[in-house]
Structures are given as C-alpha cells and as structure tokens.
Amino acid sequence: MKTCQQFASLRHEYEREIGFMRAHSELHAGTPAAKSSATQAKSTKARMARALSGHVGRCPECG
C-alpha cells in the first residue's frame, strides 16, 4: 500500500509517543504510574489506528 508523507509523519509521531509510554512503564515496573502508562499506551495505539484509518479514507493519495 502506497502512503503519503503525511501518513508516515502521523504514524511516526504516534509510534514515538507510544514508545515513550512503554519505556516509562518498563522503567517504573510495579508502580501505579507504570500501570497507568501502559494503559495509556494501549489507548494511544487504538487512537493511532483510528487516525490512520480515517486518513486513508480521506486522502486521495493513500486511498
């Protein structure tokens, strides 16, 4: 599937944010902050999927 630069940029931004949250969760394992960060990473991954899916539906270059 060919995607545009905006798609790649959006994906990279979300993946970077998810990576930060997962790293924080691993660094502080066993704490409430780690659990919260892991939960936020999961919800951010779902938001990324919705955002990218919506982008593909609207973008003439990707869709």
C-alpha atoms as a PDB file:
ATOM      1  CA  MET A   1       0.000   0.000   0.000  1.00  0.00           C
ATOM      2  CA  LYS A   2       1.431   3.338  -1.060  1.00  0.00           C
ATOM      3  CA  THR A   3       1.040   6.077   1.535  1.00  0.00           C
ATOM      4  CA  CYS A   4       1.758   9.777   1.550  1.00  0.00           C
ATOM      5  CA  GLN A   5       4.245  11.738   3.639  1.00  0.00           C
ATOM      6  CA  GLN A   6       1.526  12.990   5.995  1.00  0.00           C
ATOM      7  CA  PHE A   7       0.533   9.378   6.791  1.00  0.00           C
ATOM      8  CA  ALA A   8       4.141   8.485   7.578  1.00  0.00           C
ATOM      9  CA  SER A   9       4.559  11.568   9.732  1.00  0.00           C
ATOM     10  CA  LEU A  10       1.357  10.886  11.654  1.00  0.00           C
ATOM     11  CA  ARG A  11       2.342   7.262  12.212  1.00  0.00           C
ATOM     12  CA  HIS A  12       5.849   8.181  13.331  1.00  0.00           C
ATOM     13  CA  GLU A  13       4.504  10.708  15.839  1.00  0.00           C
ATOM     14  CA  TYR A  14       2.109   8.184  17.389  1.00  0.00           C
ATOM     15  CA  GLU A  15       4.723   5.416  17.492  1.00  0.00           C
ATOM     16  CA  ARG A  16       7.190   7.740  19.196  1.00  0.00           C
ATOM     17  CA  GLU A  17       4.639   8.678  21.854  1.00  0.00           C
ATOM     18  CA  ILE A  18       3.725   5.004  22.410  1.00  0.00           C
ATOM     19  CA  GLY A  19       7.423   4.157  22.730  1.00  0.00           C
ATOM     20  CA  PHE A  20       7.900   6.782  25.428  1.00  0.00           C
ATOM     21  CA  MET A  21       4.932   5.443  27.382  1.00  0.00           C
ATOM     22  CA  ARG A  22       6.099   1.837  27.140  1.00  0.00           C
ATOM     23  CA  ALA A  23       9.634   2.769  28.182  1.00  0.00           C
ATOM     24  CA  HIS A  24       8.280   4.643  31.195  1.00  0.00           C
ATOM     25  CA  SER A  25       6.146   1.648  32.086  1.00  0.00           C
ATOM     26  CA  GLU A  26       9.110  -0.727  31.910  1.00  0.00           C
ATOM     27  CA  LEU A  27      11.390   1.621  33.841  1.00  0.00           C
ATOM     28  CA  HIS A  28       8.922   2.014  36.707  1.00  0.00           C
ATOM     29  CA  ALA A  29       7.543  -1.541  36.705  1.00  0.00           C
ATOM     30  CA  GLY A  30       5.327  -2.387  39.647  1.00  0.00           C
ATOM     31  CA  THR A  31       4.174   1.154  40.366  1.00  0.00           C
ATOM     32  CA  PRO A  32       0.785   2.724  39.723  1.00  0.00           C
ATOM     33  CA  ALA A  33       2.445   5.142  37.288  1.00  0.00           C
ATOM     34  CA  ALA A  34       3.726   2.212  35.236  1.00  0.00           C
ATOM     35  CA  LYS A  35       0.280   0.660  35.030  1.00  0.00           C
ATOM     36  CA  SER A  36      -1.225   3.987  34.009  1.00  0.00           C
ATOM     37  CA  SER A  37       1.432   4.495  31.359  1.00  0.00           C
ATOM     38  CA  ALA A  38       0.876   1.009  29.930  1.00  0.00           C
ATOM     39  CA  THR A  39      -2.879   1.653  29.756  1.00  0.00           C
ATOM     40  CA  GLN A  40      -2.290   4.990  28.035  1.00  0.00           C
ATOM     41  CA  ALA A  41      -0.005   3.275  25.505  1.00  0.00           C
ATOM     42  CA  LYS A  42      -2.777   0.809  24.644  1.00  0.00           C
ATOM     43  CA  SER A  43      -5.366   3.545  24.212  1.00  0.00           C
ATOM     44  CA  THR A  44      -2.932   5.635  22.157  1.00  0.00           C
ATOM     45  CA  LYS A  45      -2.360   2.652  19.873  1.00  0.00           C
ATOM     46  CA  ALA A  46      -6.121   2.425  19.317  1.00  0.00           C
ATOM     47  CA  ARG A  47      -6.282   6.179  18.635  1.00  0.00           C
ATOM     48  CA  MET A  48      -3.432   5.795  16.142  1.00  0.00           C
ATOM     49  CA  ALA A  49      -5.346   3.077  14.304  1.00  0.00           C
ATOM     50  CA  ARG A  50      -8.458   5.263  14.103  1.00  0.00           C
ATOM     51  CA  ALA A  51      -6.479   8.298  12.971  1.00  0.00           C
ATOM     52  CA  LEU A  52      -4.607   6.395  10.266  1.00  0.00           C
ATOM     53  CA  SER A  53      -7.747   4.662   9.073  1.00  0.00           C
ATOM     54  CA  GLY A  54      -9.534   7.994   8.843  1.00  0.00           C
ATOM     55  CA  HIS A  55      -6.599   9.498   6.992  1.00  0.00           C
ATOM     56  CA  VAL A  56      -6.604   6.721   4.403  1.00  0.00           C
ATOM     57  CA  GLY A  57     -10.335   7.242   3.903  1.00  0.00           C
ATOM     58  CA  ARG A  58      -9.920  10.977   3.250  1.00  0.00           C
ATOM     59  CA  CYS A  59      -6.578  11.189   1.469  1.00  0.00           C
ATOM     60  CA  PRO A  60      -6.691  10.821  -2.320  1.00  0.00           C
ATOM     61  CA  GLU A  61      -3.026   9.762  -2.427  1.00  0.00           C
ATOM     62  CA  CYS A  62      -3.366   7.000   0.194  1.00  0.00           C
ATOM     63  CA  GLY A  63      -6.866   5.765  -0.553  1.00  0.00           C
END
